[in-house]
């Protein structure tokens, strides 16, 4: 590590029931020292791209408190963010636009956003 780098630690705690299903998920980050307590959440998606194996490892968890409407909103917001991230990383406007069209469709079908009049 060079002298001009810093380190941030993100901690994720997952409490499981007897069936190994998440009952509580919380997280915290050293990048936000004002936030002294852990932040609770109902769901999380984590994807890590392994540099040696060129494969993606994922952890997708949600608690039993997560309602279907909340999962729809979570997926909508995640898909929207992924299309933005894809464009920032690749500058591939055509595919980013295609992804955004699907996000629009997903949002309309789940009634997170109103349907556009065609």
PDB file of N, CA and C in Angstrom:
ATOM      1  N   UNK A   1       0.833  -1.173   0.000  1.00  0.00           N
ATOM      2  CA  UNK A   1       0.000   0.000   0.000  1.00  0.00           C
ATOM      3  C   UNK A   1       0.883   1.245   0.000  1.00  0.00           C
ATOM      4  N   UNK A   2       0.557   2.217  -0.844  1.00  0.00           N
ATOM      5  CA  UNK A   2       1.379   3.431  -0.919  1.00  0.00           C
ATOM      6  C   UNK A   2       1.030   4.391   0.214  1.00  0.00           C
ATOM      7  N   UNK A   3       1.847   5.405   0.371  1.00  0.00           N
ATOM      8  CA  UNK A   3       1.634   6.384   1.435  1.00  0.00           C
ATOM      9  C   UNK A   3       0.364   7.193   1.242  1.00  0.00           C
ATOM     10  N   UNK A   4      -0.104   7.356   0.029  1.00  0.00           N
ATOM     11  CA  UNK A   4      -1.260   8.203  -0.250  1.00  0.00           C
ATOM     12  C   UNK A   4      -2.595   7.455  -0.202  1.00  0.00           C
ATOM     13  N   UNK A   5      -2.602   6.251   0.357  1.00  0.00           N
ATOM     14  CA  UNK A   5      -3.849   5.505   0.428  1.00  0.00           C
ATOM     15  C   UNK A   5      -4.391   5.509   1.848  1.00  0.00           C
ATOM     16  N   UNK A   6      -5.668   5.227   1.950  1.00  0.00           N
ATOM     17  CA  UNK A   6      -6.286   5.111   3.265  1.00  0.00           C
ATOM     18  C   UNK A   6      -7.091   3.819   3.288  1.00  0.00           C
ATOM     19  N   UNK A   7      -7.535   3.451   4.451  1.00  0.00           N
ATOM     20  CA  UNK A   7      -8.271   2.209   4.611  1.00  0.00           C
ATOM     21  C   UNK A   7      -9.619   2.514   5.257  1.00  0.00           C
ATOM     22  N   UNK A   8     -10.645   1.905   4.721  1.00  0.00           N
ATOM     23  CA  UNK A   8     -11.984   2.007   5.269  1.00  0.00           C
ATOM     24  C   UNK A   8     -12.467   0.599   5.569  1.00  0.00           C
ATOM     25  N   UNK A   9     -13.026   0.407   6.732  1.00  0.00           N
ATOM     26  CA  UNK A   9     -13.552  -0.899   7.111  1.00  0.00           C
ATOM     27  C   UNK A   9     -15.064  -0.835   7.165  1.00  0.00           C
ATOM     28  N   UNK A  10     -15.692  -1.749   6.448  1.00  0.00           N
ATOM     29  CA  UNK A  10     -17.143  -1.878   6.463  1.00  0.00           C
ATOM     30  C   UNK A  10     -17.467  -3.172   7.194  1.00  0.00           C
ATOM     31  N   UNK A  11     -18.272  -3.068   8.228  1.00  0.00           N
ATOM     32  CA  UNK A  11     -18.651  -4.225   9.024  1.00  0.00           C
ATOM     33  C   UNK A  11     -20.120  -4.537   8.784  1.00  0.00           C
ATOM     34  N   UNK A  12     -20.410  -5.793   8.473  1.00  0.00           N
ATOM     35  CA  UNK A  12     -21.785  -6.246   8.282  1.00  0.00           C
ATOM     36  C   UNK A  12     -22.038  -7.367   9.284  1.00  0.00           C
ATOM     37  N   UNK A  13     -23.059  -7.199  10.102  1.00  0.00           N
ATOM     38  CA  UNK A  13     -23.443  -8.227  11.065  1.00  0.00           C
ATOM     39  C   UNK A  13     -24.765  -8.832  10.633  1.00  0.00           C
ATOM     40  N   UNK A  14     -24.815 -10.153  10.593  1.00  0.00           N
ATOM     41  CA  UNK A  14     -26.026 -10.867  10.215  1.00  0.00           C
ATOM     42  C   UNK A  14     -26.380 -11.814  11.350  1.00  0.00           C
ATOM     43  N   UNK A  15     -27.551 -11.607  11.930  1.00  0.00           N
ATOM     44  CA  UNK A  15     -28.050 -12.484  12.981  1.00  0.00           C
ATOM     45  C   UNK A  15     -28.986 -13.500  12.333  1.00  0.00           C
ATOM     46  N   UNK A  16     -28.776 -14.777  12.666  1.00  0.00           N
ATOM     47  CA  UNK A  16     -29.542 -15.860  12.049  1.00  0.00           C
ATOM     48  C   UNK A  16     -30.417 -16.555  13.080  1.00  0.00           C
ATOM     49  N   UNK A  17     -31.551 -17.093  12.608  1.00  0.00           N
ATOM     50  CA  UNK A  17     -32.381 -17.914  13.480  1.00  0.00           C
ATOM     51  C   UNK A  17     -31.904 -19.371  13.416  1.00  0.00           C
ATOM     52  N   UNK A  18     -32.661 -20.258  14.038  1.00  0.00           N
ATOM     53  CA  UNK A  18     -32.267 -21.671  14.078  1.00  0.00           C
ATOM     54  C   UNK A  18     -32.180 -22.286  12.682  1.00  0.00           C
ATOM     55  N   UNK A  19     -33.001 -21.799  11.737  1.00  0.00           N
ATOM     56  CA  UNK A  19     -32.987 -22.306  10.359  1.00  0.00           C
ATOM     57  C   UNK A  19     -31.932 -21.626   9.488  1.00  0.00           C
ATOM     58  N   UNK A  20     -31.109 -20.792  10.105  1.00  0.00           N
ATOM     59  CA  UNK A  20     -30.042 -20.060   9.408  1.00  0.00           C
ATOM     60  C   UNK A  20     -30.576 -18.990   8.454  1.00  0.00           C
ATOM     61  N   UNK A  21     -31.763 -18.453   8.746  1.00  0.00           N
ATOM     62  CA  UNK A  21     -32.326 -17.336   7.976  1.00  0.00           C
ATOM     63  C   UNK A  21     -32.043 -16.035   8.717  1.00  0.00           C
ATOM     64  N   UNK A  22     -31.718 -14.975   7.996  1.00  0.00           N
ATOM     65  CA  UNK A  22     -31.410 -13.705   8.661  1.00  0.00           C
ATOM     66  C   UNK A  22     -32.616 -13.139   9.424  1.00  0.00           C
ATOM     67  N   UNK A  23     -32.376 -12.767  10.668  1.00  0.00           N
ATOM     68  CA  UNK A  23     -33.404 -12.089  11.464  1.00  0.00           C
ATOM     69  C   UNK A  23     -33.096 -10.608  11.608  1.00  0.00           C
ATOM     70  N   UNK A  24     -31.817 -10.265  11.497  1.00  0.00           N
ATOM     71  CA  UNK A  24     -31.399  -8.869  11.594  1.00  0.00           C
ATOM     72  C   UNK A  24     -30.107  -8.709  10.812  1.00  0.00           C
ATOM     73  N   UNK A  25     -30.033  -7.605  10.052  1.00  0.00           N
ATOM     74  CA  UNK A  25     -28.820  -7.261   9.315  1.00  0.00           C
ATOM     75  C   UNK A  25     -28.471  -5.826   9.693  1.00  0.00           C
ATOM     76  N   UNK A  26     -27.231  -5.595  10.072  1.00  0.00           N
ATOM     77  CA  UNK A  26     -26.796  -4.230  10.382  1.00  0.00           C
ATOM     78  C   UNK A  26     -25.388  -4.034   9.832  1.00  0.00           C
ATOM     79  N   UNK A  27     -25.040  -2.769   9.642  1.00  0.00           N
ATOM     80  CA  UNK A  27     -23.729  -2.453   9.075  1.00  0.00           C
ATOM     81  C   UNK A  27     -23.221  -1.138   9.636  1.00  0.00           C
ATOM     82  N   UNK A  28     -21.922  -0.932   9.476  1.00  0.00           N
ATOM     83  CA  UNK A  28     -21.286   0.314   9.871  1.00  0.00           C
ATOM     84  C   UNK A  28     -20.016   0.474   9.061  1.00  0.00           C
ATOM     85  N   UNK A  29     -19.502   1.688   9.025  1.00  0.00           N
ATOM     86  CA  UNK A  29     -18.305   1.982   8.247  1.00  0.00           C
ATOM     87  C   UNK A  29     -17.421   2.963   9.000  1.00  0.00           C
ATOM     88  N   UNK A  30     -16.134   2.724   8.926  1.00  0.00           N
ATOM     89  CA  UNK A  30     -15.193   3.655   9.551  1.00  0.00           C
ATOM     90  C   UNK A  30     -15.106   4.964   8.771  1.00  0.00           C
ATOM     91  N   UNK A  31     -15.646   4.995   7.546  1.00  0.00           N
ATOM     92  CA  UNK A  31     -15.631   6.223   6.748  1.00  0.00           C
ATOM     93  C   UNK A  31     -16.616   7.255   7.282  1.00  0.00           C
ATOM     94  N   UNK A  32     -17.521   6.832   8.151  1.00  0.00           N
ATOM     95  CA  UNK A  32     -18.515   7.743   8.711  1.00  0.00           C
ATOM     96  C   UNK A  32     -18.406   7.713  10.236  1.00  0.00           C
ATOM     97  N   UNK A  33     -17.372   8.356  10.799  1.00  0.00           N
ATOM     98  CA  UNK A  33     -17.147   8.273  12.248  1.00  0.00           C
ATOM     99  C   UNK A  33     -18.244   8.938  13.082  1.00  0.00           C
ATOM    100  N   UNK A  34     -19.054   9.829  12.484  1.00  0.00           N
ATOM    101  CA  UNK A  34     -20.141  10.460  13.219  1.00  0.00           C
ATOM    102  C   UNK A  34     -21.249   9.448  13.538  1.00  0.00           C
ATOM    103  N   UNK A  35     -21.321   8.415  12.726  1.00  0.00           N
ATOM    104  CA  UNK A  35     -22.338   7.385  12.895  1.00  0.00           C
ATOM    105  C   UNK A  35     -21.803   6.357  13.883  1.00  0.00           C
ATOM    106  N   UNK A  36     -22.176   6.528  15.152  1.00  0.00           N
ATOM    107  CA  UNK A  36     -21.613   5.667  16.187  1.00  0.00           C
ATOM    108  C   UNK A  36     -22.290   4.306  16.249  1.00  0.00           C
ATOM    109  N   UNK A  37     -23.565   4.238  15.914  1.00  0.00           N
ATOM    110  CA  UNK A  37     -24.256   2.961  16.042  1.00  0.00           C
ATOM    111  C   UNK A  37     -24.421   2.306  14.678  1.00  0.00           C
ATOM    112  N   UNK A  38     -24.617   1.010  14.716  1.00  0.00           N
ATOM    113  CA  UNK A  38     -24.846   0.270  13.475  1.00  0.00           C
ATOM    114  C   UNK A  38     -26.175   0.688  12.859  1.00  0.00           C
ATOM    115  N   UNK A  39     -26.242   0.622  11.547  1.00  0.00           N
ATOM    116  CA  UNK A  39     -27.471   0.941  10.818  1.00  0.00           C
ATOM    117  C   UNK A  39     -28.153  -0.371  10.439  1.00  0.00           C
ATOM    118  N   UNK A  40     -29.411  -0.502  10.840  1.00  0.00           N
ATOM    119  CA  UNK A  40     -30.178  -1.695  10.508  1.00  0.00           C
ATOM    120  C   UNK A  40     -30.662  -1.622   9.068  1.00  0.00           C
ATOM    121  N   UNK A  41     -30.771  -2.776   8.445  1.00  0.00           N
ATOM    122  CA  UNK A  41     -31.339  -2.861   7.106  1.00  0.00           C
ATOM    123  C   UNK A  41     -32.109  -4.172   6.989  1.00  0.00           C
ATOM    124  N   UNK A  42     -32.995  -4.233   6.009  1.00  0.00           N
ATOM    125  CA  UNK A  42     -33.810  -5.424   5.801  1.00  0.00           C
ATOM    126  C   UNK A  42     -33.246  -6.339   4.730  1.00  0.00           C
ATOM    127  N   UNK A  43     -32.353  -5.829   3.895  1.00  0.00           N
ATOM    128  CA  UNK A  43     -31.801  -6.643   2.812  1.00  0.00           C
ATOM    129  C   UNK A  43     -30.446  -6.093   2.402  1.00  0.00           C
ATOM    130  N   UNK A  44     -29.654  -6.977   1.763  1.00  0.00           N
ATOM    131  CA  UNK A  44     -28.356  -6.561   1.246  1.00  0.00           C
ATOM    132  C   UNK A  44     -27.994  -7.429   0.051  1.00  0.00           C
ATOM    133  N   UNK A  45     -27.277  -6.832  -0.870  1.00  0.00           N
ATOM    134  CA  UNK A  45     -26.702  -7.526  -2.015  1.00  0.00           C
ATOM    135  C   UNK A  45     -25.231  -7.151  -2.040  1.00  0.00           C
ATOM    136  N   UNK A  46     -24.377  -8.147  -2.109  1.00  0.00           N
ATOM    137  CA  UNK A  46     -22.944  -7.887  -2.161  1.00  0.00           C
ATOM    138  C   UNK A  46     -22.364  -8.727  -3.287  1.00  0.00           C
ATOM    139  N   UNK A  47     -21.681  -8.087  -4.212  1.00  0.00           N
ATOM    140  CA  UNK A  47     -21.019  -8.784  -5.308  1.00  0.00           C
ATOM    141  C   UNK A  47     -19.543  -8.412  -5.292  1.00  0.00           C
ATOM    142  N   UNK A  48     -18.699  -9.422  -5.363  1.00  0.00           N
ATOM    143  CA  UNK A  48     -17.254  -9.224  -5.364  1.00  0.00           C
ATOM    144  C   UNK A  48     -16.674  -9.927  -6.584  1.00  0.00           C
ATOM    145  N   UNK A  49     -15.871  -9.199  -7.361  1.00  0.00           N
ATOM    146  CA  UNK A  49     -15.258  -9.782  -8.553  1.00  0.00           C
ATOM    147  C   UNK A  49     -13.844 -10.218  -8.205  1.00  0.00           C
ATOM    148  N   UNK A  50     -13.610 -11.509  -8.240  1.00  0.00           N
ATOM    149  CA  UNK A  50     -12.316 -12.078  -7.894  1.00  0.00           C
ATOM    150  C   UNK A  50     -11.312 -11.816  -9.013  1.00  0.00           C
ATOM    151  N   UNK A  51     -10.200 -11.174  -8.689  1.00  0.00           N
ATOM    152  CA  UNK A  51      -9.232 -10.795  -9.721  1.00  0.00           C
ATOM    153  C   UNK A  51      -8.468 -11.977 -10.282  1.00  0.00           C
ATOM    154  N   UNK A  52      -8.304 -13.045  -9.517  1.00  0.00           N
ATOM    155  CA  UNK A  52      -7.568 -14.211 -10.008  1.00  0.00           C
ATOM    156  C   UNK A  52      -8.453 -15.163 -10.813  1.00  0.00           C
ATOM    157  N   UNK A  53      -9.637 -15.423 -10.331  1.00  0.00           N
ATOM    158  CA  UNK A  53     -10.536 -16.374 -10.987  1.00  0.00           C
ATOM    159  C   UNK A  53     -11.479 -15.719 -11.998  1.00  0.00           C
ATOM    160  N   UNK A  54     -11.501 -14.390 -12.019  1.00  0.00           N
ATOM    161  CA  UNK A  54     -12.391 -13.639 -12.918  1.00  0.00           C
ATOM    162  C   UNK A  54     -13.829 -14.121 -12.798  1.00  0.00           C
ATOM    163  N   UNK A  55     -14.258 -14.273 -11.556  1.00  0.00           N
ATOM    164  CA  UNK A  55     -15.605 -14.749 -11.268  1.00  0.00           C
ATOM    165  C   UNK A  55     -16.223 -13.840 -10.205  1.00  0.00           C
ATOM    166  N   UNK A  56     -17.539 -13.787 -10.203  1.00  0.00           N
ATOM    167  CA  UNK A  56     -18.256 -12.957  -9.244  1.00  0.00           C
ATOM    168  C   UNK A  56     -18.809 -13.821  -8.120  1.00  0.00           C
ATOM    169  N   UNK A  57     -18.547 -13.403  -6.911  1.00  0.00           N
ATOM    170  CA  UNK A  57     -19.079 -14.053  -5.721  1.00  0.00           C
ATOM    171  C   UNK A  57     -20.130 -13.133  -5.125  1.00  0.00           C
ATOM    172  N   UNK A  58     -21.268 -13.707  -4.744  1.00  0.00           N
ATOM    173  CA  UNK A  58     -22.387 -12.881  -4.288  1.00  0.00           C
ATOM    174  C   UNK A  58     -22.910 -13.352  -2.944  1.00  0.00           C
ATOM    175  N   UNK A  59     -23.403 -12.402  -2.191  1.00  0.00           N
ATOM    176  CA  UNK A  59     -24.164 -12.673  -0.976  1.00  0.00           C
ATOM    177  C   UNK A  59     -25.432 -11.844  -1.086  1.00  0.00           C
ATOM    178  N   UNK A  60     -26.562 -12.522  -1.127  1.00  0.00           N
ATOM    179  CA  UNK A  60     -27.869 -11.865  -1.194  1.00  0.00           C
ATOM    180  C   UNK A  60     -28.672 -12.311   0.025  1.00  0.00           C
ATOM    181  N   UNK A  61     -28.978 -11.381   0.910  1.00  0.00           N
ATOM    182  CA  UNK A  61     -29.703 -11.712   2.131  1.00  0.00           C
ATOM    183  C   UNK A  61     -30.841 -10.739   2.354  1.00  0.00           C
ATOM    184  N   UNK A  62     -31.924 -11.230   2.944  1.00  0.00           N
ATOM    185  CA  UNK A  62     -33.025 -10.370   3.363  1.00  0.00           C
ATOM    186  C   UNK A  62     -33.691 -11.007   4.567  1.00  0.00           C
ATOM    187  N   UNK A  63     -34.251 -10.162   5.416  1.00  0.00           N
ATOM    188  CA  UNK A  63     -34.919 -10.650   6.619  1.00  0.00           C
ATOM    189  C   UNK A  63     -36.375 -10.981   6.304  1.00  0.00           C
ATOM    190  N   UNK A  64     -37.014 -11.677   7.228  1.00  0.00           N
ATOM    191  CA  UNK A  64     -38.427 -12.018   7.039  1.00  0.00           C
ATOM    192  C   UNK A  64     -39.319 -10.781   7.134  1.00  0.00           C
ATOM    193  N   UNK A  65     -38.787  -9.685   7.660  1.00  0.00           N
ATOM    194  CA  UNK A  65     -39.542  -8.425   7.713  1.00  0.00           C
ATOM    195  C   UNK A  65     -39.682  -7.760   6.348  1.00  0.00           C
ATOM    196  N   UNK A  66     -38.854  -8.134   5.405  1.00  0.00           N
ATOM    197  CA  UNK A  66     -38.847  -7.504   4.080  1.00  0.00           C
ATOM    198  C   UNK A  66     -40.126  -7.870   3.343  1.00  0.00           C
ATOM    199  N   UNK A  67     -40.928  -6.867   3.041  1.00  0.00           N
ATOM    200  CA  UNK A  67     -42.179  -7.064   2.319  1.00  0.00           C
ATOM    201  C   UNK A  67     -41.904  -7.088   0.814  1.00  0.00           C
ATOM    202  N   UNK A  68     -42.820  -7.697   0.058  1.00  0.00           N
ATOM    203  CA  UNK A  68     -42.649  -7.793  -1.394  1.00  0.00           C
ATOM    204  C   UNK A  68     -42.525  -6.399  -2.014  1.00  0.00           C
ATOM    205  N   UNK A  69     -43.348  -5.463  -1.592  1.00  0.00           N
ATOM    206  CA  UNK A  69     -43.279  -4.100  -2.141  1.00  0.00           C
ATOM    207  C   UNK A  69     -41.925  -3.457  -1.842  1.00  0.00           C
ATOM    208  N   UNK A  70     -41.360  -3.749  -0.676  1.00  0.00           N
ATOM    209  CA  UNK A  70     -40.044  -3.221  -0.338  1.00  0.00           C
ATOM    210  C   UNK A  70     -38.963  -3.882  -1.198  1.00  0.00           C
ATOM    211  N   UNK A  71     -39.105  -5.184  -1.447  1.00  0.00           N
ATOM    212  CA  UNK A  71     -38.145  -5.876  -2.304  1.00  0.00           C
ATOM    213  C   UNK A  71     -38.216  -5.321  -3.725  1.00  0.00           C
ATOM    214  N   UNK A  72     -39.439  -5.047  -4.207  1.00  0.00           N
ATOM    215  CA  UNK A  72     -39.582  -4.431  -5.529  1.00  0.00           C
ATOM    216  C   UNK A  72     -38.836  -3.105  -5.587  1.00  0.00           C
ATOM    217  N   UNK A  73     -39.012  -2.271  -4.565  1.00  0.00           N
ATOM    218  CA  UNK A  73     -38.342  -0.960  -4.524  1.00  0.00           C
ATOM    219  C   UNK A  73     -36.823  -1.143  -4.434  1.00  0.00           C
ATOM    220  N   UNK A  74     -36.379  -2.075  -3.612  1.00  0.00           N
ATOM    221  CA  UNK A  74     -34.952  -2.368  -3.457  1.00  0.00           C
ATOM    222  C   UNK A  74     -34.347  -2.797  -4.792  1.00  0.00           C
ATOM    223  N   UNK A  75     -35.015  -3.677  -5.500  1.00  0.00           N
ATOM    224  CA  UNK A  75     -34.515  -4.135  -6.798  1.00  0.00           C
ATOM    225  C   UNK A  75     -34.525  -3.002  -7.822  1.00  0.00           C
ATOM    226  N   UNK A  76     -35.587  -2.204  -7.842  1.00  0.00           N
ATOM    227  CA  UNK A  76     -35.669  -1.068  -8.765  1.00  0.00           C
ATOM    228  C   UNK A  76     -34.497  -0.118  -8.546  1.00  0.00           C
ATOM    229  N   UNK A  77     -34.269   0.264  -7.289  1.00  0.00           N
ATOM    230  CA  UNK A  77     -33.194   1.202  -6.989  1.00  0.00           C
ATOM    231  C   UNK A  77     -31.823   0.593  -7.293  1.00  0.00           C
ATOM    232  N   UNK A  78     -31.662  -0.706  -7.038  1.00  0.00           N
ATOM    233  CA  UNK A  78     -30.402  -1.383  -7.316  1.00  0.00           C
ATOM    234  C   UNK A  78     -30.147  -1.465  -8.814  1.00  0.00           C
ATOM    235  N   UNK A  79     -31.159  -1.841  -9.579  1.00  0.00           N
ATOM    236  CA  UNK A  79     -31.007  -1.925 -11.036  1.00  0.00           C
ATOM    237  C   UNK A  79     -30.677  -0.561 -11.637  1.00  0.00           C
ATOM    238  N   UNK A  80     -31.344   0.478 -11.130  1.00  0.00           N
ATOM    239  CA  UNK A  80     -31.069   1.842 -11.613  1.00  0.00           C
ATOM    240  C   UNK A  80     -29.623   2.227 -11.318  1.00  0.00           C
ATOM    241  N   UNK A  81     -29.162   1.916 -10.123  1.00  0.00           N
ATOM    242  CA  UNK A  81     -27.784   2.235  -9.746  1.00  0.00           C
ATOM    243  C   UNK A  81     -26.781   1.413 -10.560  1.00  0.00           C
ATOM    244  N   UNK A  82     -27.108   0.152 -10.826  1.00  0.00           N
ATOM    245  CA  UNK A  82     -26.214  -0.685 -11.626  1.00  0.00           C
ATOM    246  C   UNK A  82     -26.053  -0.150 -13.044  1.00  0.00           C
ATOM    247  N   UNK A  83     -27.129   0.331 -13.630  1.00  0.00           N
ATOM    248  CA  UNK A  83     -27.002   0.877 -14.984  1.00  0.00           C
ATOM    249  C   UNK A  83     -26.144   2.139 -14.974  1.00  0.00           C
ATOM    250  N   UNK A  84     -26.271   2.966 -13.930  1.00  0.00           N
ATOM    251  CA  UNK A  84     -25.412   4.151 -13.799  1.00  0.00           C
ATOM    252  C   UNK A  84     -23.950   3.744 -13.616  1.00  0.00           C
ATOM    253  N   UNK A  85     -23.712   2.759 -12.759  1.00  0.00           N
ATOM    254  CA  UNK A  85     -22.356   2.276 -12.517  1.00  0.00           C
ATOM    255  C   UNK A  85     -21.752   1.702 -13.790  1.00  0.00           C
ATOM    256  N   UNK A  86     -22.554   0.924 -14.523  1.00  0.00           N
ATOM    257  CA  UNK A  86     -22.063   0.334 -15.771  1.00  0.00           C
ATOM    258  C   UNK A  86     -21.623   1.431 -16.742  1.00  0.00           C
ATOM    259  N   UNK A  87     -22.438   2.488 -16.879  1.00  0.00           N
ATOM    260  CA  UNK A  87     -22.069   3.564 -17.792  1.00  0.00           C
ATOM    261  C   UNK A  87     -20.793   4.278 -17.329  1.00  0.00           C
ATOM    262  N   UNK A  88     -20.698   4.584 -16.029  1.00  0.00           N
ATOM    263  CA  UNK A  88     -19.505   5.266 -15.514  1.00  0.00           C
ATOM    264  C   UNK A  88     -18.247   4.448 -15.753  1.00  0.00           C
ATOM    265  N   UNK A  89     -18.371   3.126 -15.638  1.00  0.00           N
ATOM    266  CA  UNK A  89     -17.199   2.256 -15.773  1.00  0.00           C
ATOM    267  C   UNK A  89     -16.815   2.000 -17.226  1.00  0.00           C
ATOM    268  N   UNK A  90     -17.801   1.975 -18.138  1.00  0.00           N
ATOM    269  CA  UNK A  90     -17.510   1.559 -19.519  1.00  0.00           C
ATOM    270  C   UNK A  90     -17.718   2.645 -20.561  1.00  0.00           C
ATOM    271  N   UNK A  91     -18.518   3.655 -20.219  1.00  0.00           N
ATOM    272  CA  UNK A  91     -18.923   4.703 -21.169  1.00  0.00           C
ATOM    273  C   UNK A  91     -19.713   4.110 -22.345  1.00  0.00           C
ATOM    274  N   UNK A  92     -20.292   2.932 -22.163  1.00  0.00           N
ATOM    275  CA  UNK A  92     -21.099   2.300 -23.204  1.00  0.00           C
ATOM    276  C   UNK A  92     -22.540   2.820 -23.065  1.00  0.00           C
ATOM    277  N   UNK A  93     -22.806   3.927 -23.724  1.00  0.00           N
ATOM    278  CA  UNK A  93     -24.108   4.594 -23.618  1.00  0.00           C
ATOM    279  C   UNK A  93     -25.248   3.721 -24.131  1.00  0.00           C
ATOM    280  N   UNK A  94     -25.027   2.994 -25.234  1.00  0.00           N
ATOM    281  CA  UNK A  94     -26.092   2.184 -25.827  1.00  0.00           C
ATOM    282  C   UNK A  94     -26.585   1.117 -24.854  1.00  0.00           C
ATOM    283  N   UNK A  95     -25.654   0.363 -24.269  1.00  0.00           N
ATOM    284  CA  UNK A  95     -26.083  -0.681 -23.325  1.00  0.00           C
ATOM    285  C   UNK A  95     -26.630  -0.089 -22.033  1.00  0.00           C
ATOM    286  N   UNK A  96     -26.059   1.010 -21.582  1.00  0.00           N
ATOM    287  CA  UNK A  96     -26.592   1.667 -20.384  1.00  0.00           C
ATOM    288  C   UNK A  96     -28.022   2.122 -20.631  1.00  0.00           C
ATOM    289  N   UNK A  97     -28.308   2.638 -21.827  1.00  0.00           N
ATOM    290  CA  UNK A  97     -29.678   3.035 -22.161  1.00  0.00           C
ATOM    291  C   UNK A  97     -30.609   1.832 -22.186  1.00  0.00           C
ATOM    292  N   UNK A  98     -30.130   0.703 -22.722  1.00  0.00           N
ATOM    293  CA  UNK A  98     -30.938  -0.516 -22.722  1.00  0.00           C
ATOM    294  C   UNK A  98     -31.247  -0.964 -21.300  1.00  0.00           C
ATOM    295  N   UNK A  99     -30.255  -0.874 -20.442  1.00  0.00           N
ATOM    296  CA  UNK A  99     -30.475  -1.239 -19.043  1.00  0.00           C
ATOM    297  C   UNK A  99     -31.498  -0.301 -18.404  1.00  0.00           C
ATOM    298  N   UNK A 100     -31.398   0.994 -18.699  1.00  0.00           N
ATOM    299  CA  UNK A 100     -32.348   1.963 -18.142  1.00  0.00           C
ATOM    300  C   UNK A 100     -33.767   1.699 -18.642  1.00  0.00           C
ATOM    301  N   UNK A 101     -33.891   1.262 -19.892  1.00  0.00           N
ATOM    302  CA  UNK A 101     -35.227   0.917 -20.404  1.00  0.00           C
ATOM    303  C   UNK A 101     -35.828  -0.241 -19.608  1.00  0.00           C
ATOM    304  N   UNK A 102     -34.998  -1.237 -19.282  1.00  0.00           N
ATOM    305  CA  UNK A 102     -35.503  -2.323 -18.460  1.00  0.00           C
ATOM    306  C   UNK A 102     -35.860  -1.829 -17.069  1.00  0.00           C
ATOM    307  N   UNK A 103     -35.051  -0.952 -16.494  1.00  0.00           N
ATOM    308  CA  UNK A 103     -35.347  -0.389 -15.174  1.00  0.00           C
ATOM    309  C   UNK A 103     -36.694   0.339 -15.219  1.00  0.00           C
ATOM    310  N   UNK A 104     -36.927   1.106 -16.282  1.00  0.00           N
ATOM    311  CA  UNK A 104     -38.210   1.796 -16.457  1.00  0.00           C
ATOM    312  C   UNK A 104     -39.352   0.781 -16.494  1.00  0.00           C
ATOM    313  N   UNK A 105     -39.193  -0.262 -17.299  1.00  0.00           N
ATOM    314  CA  UNK A 105     -40.201  -1.325 -17.408  1.00  0.00           C
ATOM    315  C   UNK A 105     -40.444  -1.983 -16.045  1.00  0.00           C
ATOM    316  N   UNK A 106     -39.372  -2.333 -15.342  1.00  0.00           N
ATOM    317  CA  UNK A 106     -39.477  -2.968 -14.036  1.00  0.00           C
ATOM    318  C   UNK A 106     -40.230  -2.064 -13.062  1.00  0.00           C
ATOM    319  N   UNK A 107     -39.872  -0.785 -13.056  1.00  0.00           N
ATOM    320  CA  UNK A 107     -40.533   0.168 -12.164  1.00  0.00           C
ATOM    321  C   UNK A 107     -42.008   0.317 -12.455  1.00  0.00           C
ATOM    322  N   UNK A 108     -42.352   0.333 -13.735  1.00  0.00           N
ATOM    323  CA  UNK A 108     -43.762   0.432 -14.119  1.00  0.00           C
ATOM    324  C   UNK A 108     -44.518  -0.840 -13.751  1.00  0.00           C
ATOM    325  N   UNK A 109     -43.948  -1.995 -14.031  1.00  0.00           N
ATOM    326  CA  UNK A 109     -44.625  -3.267 -13.758  1.00  0.00           C
ATOM    327  C   UNK A 109     -44.825  -3.513 -12.269  1.00  0.00           C
ATOM    328  N   UNK A 110     -43.919  -3.040 -11.457  1.00  0.00           N
ATOM    329  CA  UNK A 110     -44.044  -3.192 -10.007  1.00  0.00           C
ATOM    330  C   UNK A 110     -44.776  -2.008  -9.375  1.00  0.00           C
ATOM    331  N   UNK A 111     -45.179  -1.046 -10.199  1.00  0.00           N
ATOM    332  CA  UNK A 111     -45.927   0.152  -9.787  1.00  0.00           C
ATOM    333  C   UNK A 111     -45.137   1.047  -8.826  1.00  0.00           C
ATOM    334  N   UNK A 112     -43.822   0.970  -8.945  1.00  0.00           N
ATOM    335  CA  UNK A 112     -42.979   1.893  -8.185  1.00  0.00           C
ATOM    336  C   UNK A 112     -43.021   3.273  -8.831  1.00  0.00           C
ATOM    337  N   UNK A 113     -43.105   3.286 -10.146  1.00  0.00           N
ATOM    338  CA  UNK A 113     -43.254   4.521 -10.895  1.00  0.00           C
ATOM    339  C   UNK A 113     -44.493   4.395 -11.781  1.00  0.00           C
ATOM    340  N   UNK A 114     -45.130   5.497 -12.119  1.00  0.00           N
ATOM    341  CA  UNK A 114     -46.310   5.409 -13.000  1.00  0.00           C
ATOM    342  C   UNK A 114     -45.920   5.017 -14.431  1.00  0.00           C
ATOM    343  N   UNK A 115     -46.809   4.299 -15.090  1.00  0.00           N
ATOM    344  CA  UNK A 115     -46.549   3.892 -16.473  1.00  0.00           C
ATOM    345  C   UNK A 115     -46.565   5.127 -17.368  1.00  0.00           C
ATOM    346  N   UNK A 116     -45.606   5.135 -18.298  1.00  0.00           N
ATOM    347  CA  UNK A 116     -45.566   6.215 -19.287  1.00  0.00           C
ATOM    348  C   UNK A 116     -46.632   5.941 -20.344  1.00  0.00           C
ATOM    349  N   UNK A 117     -47.268   7.001 -20.803  1.00  0.00           N
ATOM    350  CA  UNK A 117     -48.228   6.855 -21.908  1.00  0.00           C
ATOM    351  C   UNK A 117     -47.467   6.745 -23.216  1.00  0.00           C
ATOM    352  N   UNK A 118     -47.702   5.656 -23.928  1.00  0.00           N
ATOM    353  CA  UNK A 118     -46.991   5.458 -25.202  1.00  0.00           C
ATOM    354  C   UNK A 118     -47.753   6.081 -26.340  1.00  0.00           C
TER     355      UNK A 118
END
